[in-house]
């Protein structure tokens, strides 16, 4: 009986996992774009996750809503900005490190 309960749980998990890919593309379709215009360069962190260095990174697809962007360049103090990304919209973040 315990083995059957385990199999039933696995079946339920498998069914939930099978449903996830169907929901995934619909969720991914609702995105916006954040363009980055940073000089001279920066490590880019979005909502606490490092996503790359600009340049070459110039734009990111993000879920709609508010995001915290942290730009780091070792020679300067970090720059932190909050951006609002709209569905199917492009937002641009400009920042120049230096005096």
C-alpha atoms as a PDB file:
ATOM      1  CA  UNK A   1       0.000   0.000   0.000  1.00  0.00           C
ATOM      2  CA  UNK A   2       2.858   2.383   0.777  1.00  0.00           C
ATOM      3  CA  UNK A   3       4.396   1.710  -2.622  1.00  0.00           C
ATOM      4  CA  UNK A   4       1.093   2.545  -4.295  1.00  0.00           C
ATOM      5  CA  UNK A   5       0.829   5.810  -2.337  1.00  0.00           C
ATOM      6  CA  UNK A   6       4.352   6.672  -3.464  1.00  0.00           C
ATOM      7  CA  UNK A   7       3.478   5.853  -7.048  1.00  0.00           C
ATOM      8  CA  UNK A   8       0.344   7.958  -6.781  1.00  0.00           C
ATOM      9  CA  UNK A   9       2.381  10.891  -5.479  1.00  0.00           C
ATOM     10  CA  UNK A  10       4.873  10.461  -8.285  1.00  0.00           C
ATOM     11  CA  UNK A  11       2.038  10.331 -10.802  1.00  0.00           C
ATOM     12  CA  UNK A  12       0.604  13.552  -9.382  1.00  0.00           C
ATOM     13  CA  UNK A  13       4.024  15.217  -9.514  1.00  0.00           C
ATOM     14  CA  UNK A  14       4.470  13.991 -13.085  1.00  0.00           C
ATOM     15  CA  UNK A  15       1.062  15.375 -14.007  1.00  0.00           C
ATOM     16  CA  UNK A  16       1.957  18.723 -12.403  1.00  0.00           C
ATOM     17  CA  UNK A  17       5.304  18.727 -14.225  1.00  0.00           C
ATOM     18  CA  UNK A  18       3.534  17.928 -17.489  1.00  0.00           C
ATOM     19  CA  UNK A  19       1.224  20.911 -16.945  1.00  0.00           C
ATOM     20  CA  UNK A  20       4.144  23.254 -16.250  1.00  0.00           C
ATOM     21  CA  UNK A  21       5.495  23.436 -19.833  1.00  0.00           C
ATOM     22  CA  UNK A  22       2.026  24.445 -21.034  1.00  0.00           C
ATOM     23  CA  UNK A  23       1.910  27.283 -18.500  1.00  0.00           C
ATOM     24  CA  UNK A  24       5.582  28.225 -19.091  1.00  0.00           C
ATOM     25  CA  UNK A  25       5.350  29.653 -22.629  1.00  0.00           C
ATOM     26  CA  UNK A  26       2.261  31.692 -21.734  1.00  0.00           C
ATOM     27  CA  UNK A  27       4.131  33.198 -18.784  1.00  0.00           C
ATOM     28  CA  UNK A  28       7.205  33.860 -20.932  1.00  0.00           C
ATOM     29  CA  UNK A  29       5.111  35.643 -23.559  1.00  0.00           C
ATOM     30  CA  UNK A  30       4.364  38.408 -21.060  1.00  0.00           C
ATOM     31  CA  UNK A  31       7.720  40.177 -21.019  1.00  0.00           C
ATOM     32  CA  UNK A  32       9.185  43.603 -21.488  1.00  0.00           C
ATOM     33  CA  UNK A  33      12.633  44.762 -22.513  1.00  0.00           C
ATOM     34  CA  UNK A  34      15.181  46.695 -20.483  1.00  0.00           C
ATOM     35  CA  UNK A  35      17.817  48.371 -22.637  1.00  0.00           C
ATOM     36  CA  UNK A  36      21.098  49.276 -20.966  1.00  0.00           C
ATOM     37  CA  UNK A  37      23.131  52.339 -21.907  1.00  0.00           C
ATOM     38  CA  UNK A  38      26.061  52.220 -19.491  1.00  0.00           C
ATOM     39  CA  UNK A  39      29.481  53.805 -19.843  1.00  0.00           C
ATOM     40  CA  UNK A  40      32.237  52.732 -19.640  1.00  0.00           C
ATOM     41  CA  UNK A  41      31.087  49.241 -18.441  1.00  0.00           C
ATOM     42  CA  UNK A  42      29.326  47.518 -15.556  1.00  0.00           C
ATOM     43  CA  UNK A  43      28.463  44.174 -14.065  1.00  0.00           C
ATOM     44  CA  UNK A  44      24.646  44.041 -14.182  1.00  0.00           C
ATOM     45  CA  UNK A  45      22.573  42.601 -11.363  1.00  0.00           C
ATOM     46  CA  UNK A  46      18.783  42.310 -11.617  1.00  0.00           C
ATOM     47  CA  UNK A  47      16.801  41.622  -8.437  1.00  0.00           C
ATOM     48  CA  UNK A  48      19.910  40.232  -6.727  1.00  0.00           C
ATOM     49  CA  UNK A  49      21.054  38.001  -9.630  1.00  0.00           C
ATOM     50  CA  UNK A  50      24.136  38.798 -11.721  1.00  0.00           C
ATOM     51  CA  UNK A  51      23.053  38.589 -15.366  1.00  0.00           C
ATOM     52  CA  UNK A  52      26.146  39.755 -17.249  1.00  0.00           C
ATOM     53  CA  UNK A  53      28.410  42.643 -18.152  1.00  0.00           C
ATOM     54  CA  UNK A  54      27.550  45.592 -20.366  1.00  0.00           C
ATOM     55  CA  UNK A  55      28.889  45.865 -22.954  1.00  0.00           C
ATOM     56  CA  UNK A  56      28.379  43.411 -24.652  1.00  0.00           C
ATOM     57  CA  UNK A  57      25.055  42.954 -22.800  1.00  0.00           C
ATOM     58  CA  UNK A  58      22.735  45.641 -24.174  1.00  0.00           C
ATOM     59  CA  UNK A  59      19.221  44.447 -23.390  1.00  0.00           C
ATOM     60  CA  UNK A  60      17.322  42.008 -21.219  1.00  0.00           C
ATOM     61  CA  UNK A  61      13.876  40.451 -21.425  1.00  0.00           C
ATOM     62  CA  UNK A  62      12.224  40.774 -18.015  1.00  0.00           C
ATOM     63  CA  UNK A  63       8.875  39.941 -16.496  1.00  0.00           C
ATOM     64  CA  UNK A  64       6.576  42.952 -16.302  1.00  0.00           C
ATOM     65  CA  UNK A  65       6.768  44.853 -13.029  1.00  0.00           C
ATOM     66  CA  UNK A  66       9.283  46.613 -10.828  1.00  0.00           C
ATOM     67  CA  UNK A  67      12.916  45.469 -10.795  1.00  0.00           C
ATOM     68  CA  UNK A  68      15.990  46.567  -8.865  1.00  0.00           C
ATOM     69  CA  UNK A  69      19.030  47.051 -11.087  1.00  0.00           C
ATOM     70  CA  UNK A  70      22.514  47.322  -9.587  1.00  0.00           C
ATOM     71  CA  UNK A  71      25.407  48.359 -11.828  1.00  0.00           C
ATOM     72  CA  UNK A  72      28.928  47.712 -10.555  1.00  0.00           C
ATOM     73  CA  UNK A  73      32.197  48.995 -11.922  1.00  0.00           C
ATOM     74  CA  UNK A  74      35.135  48.371  -9.564  1.00  0.00           C
ATOM     75  CA  UNK A  75      36.517  51.891 -10.001  1.00  0.00           C
ATOM     76  CA  UNK A  76      33.275  53.605  -8.846  1.00  0.00           C
ATOM     77  CA  UNK A  77      30.498  53.313  -6.283  1.00  0.00           C
ATOM     78  CA  UNK A  78      27.666  50.973  -7.384  1.00  0.00           C
ATOM     79  CA  UNK A  79      24.644  52.564  -9.051  1.00  0.00           C
ATOM     80  CA  UNK A  80      21.250  51.241  -7.961  1.00  0.00           C
ATOM     81  CA  UNK A  81      18.023  52.015  -9.808  1.00  0.00           C
ATOM     82  CA  UNK A  82      14.464  50.765  -9.691  1.00  0.00           C
ATOM     83  CA  UNK A  83      12.893  50.289 -13.119  1.00  0.00           C
ATOM     84  CA  UNK A  84       9.317  49.608 -14.123  1.00  0.00           C
ATOM     85  CA  UNK A  85       9.030  47.202 -17.062  1.00  0.00           C
ATOM     86  CA  UNK A  86       5.741  47.033 -18.961  1.00  0.00           C
ATOM     87  CA  UNK A  87       4.415  44.128 -20.999  1.00  0.00           C
ATOM     88  CA  UNK A  88       5.647  44.388 -24.605  1.00  0.00           C
ATOM     89  CA  UNK A  89       7.326  47.714 -23.784  1.00  0.00           C
ATOM     90  CA  UNK A  90      10.963  48.809 -23.855  1.00  0.00           C
ATOM     91  CA  UNK A  91      12.489  50.778 -20.989  1.00  0.00           C
ATOM     92  CA  UNK A  92      16.004  52.213 -21.062  1.00  0.00           C
ATOM     93  CA  UNK A  93      18.411  52.681 -18.170  1.00  0.00           C
ATOM     94  CA  UNK A  94      21.172  55.250 -18.808  1.00  0.00           C
ATOM     95  CA  UNK A  95      24.161  55.594 -16.506  1.00  0.00           C
ATOM     96  CA  UNK A  96      27.660  56.998 -16.893  1.00  0.00           C
ATOM     97  CA  UNK A  97      30.238  56.137 -14.240  1.00  0.00           C
ATOM     98  CA  UNK A  98      32.668  58.918 -13.458  1.00  0.00           C
ATOM     99  CA  UNK A  99      32.906  62.420 -12.066  1.00  0.00           C
END
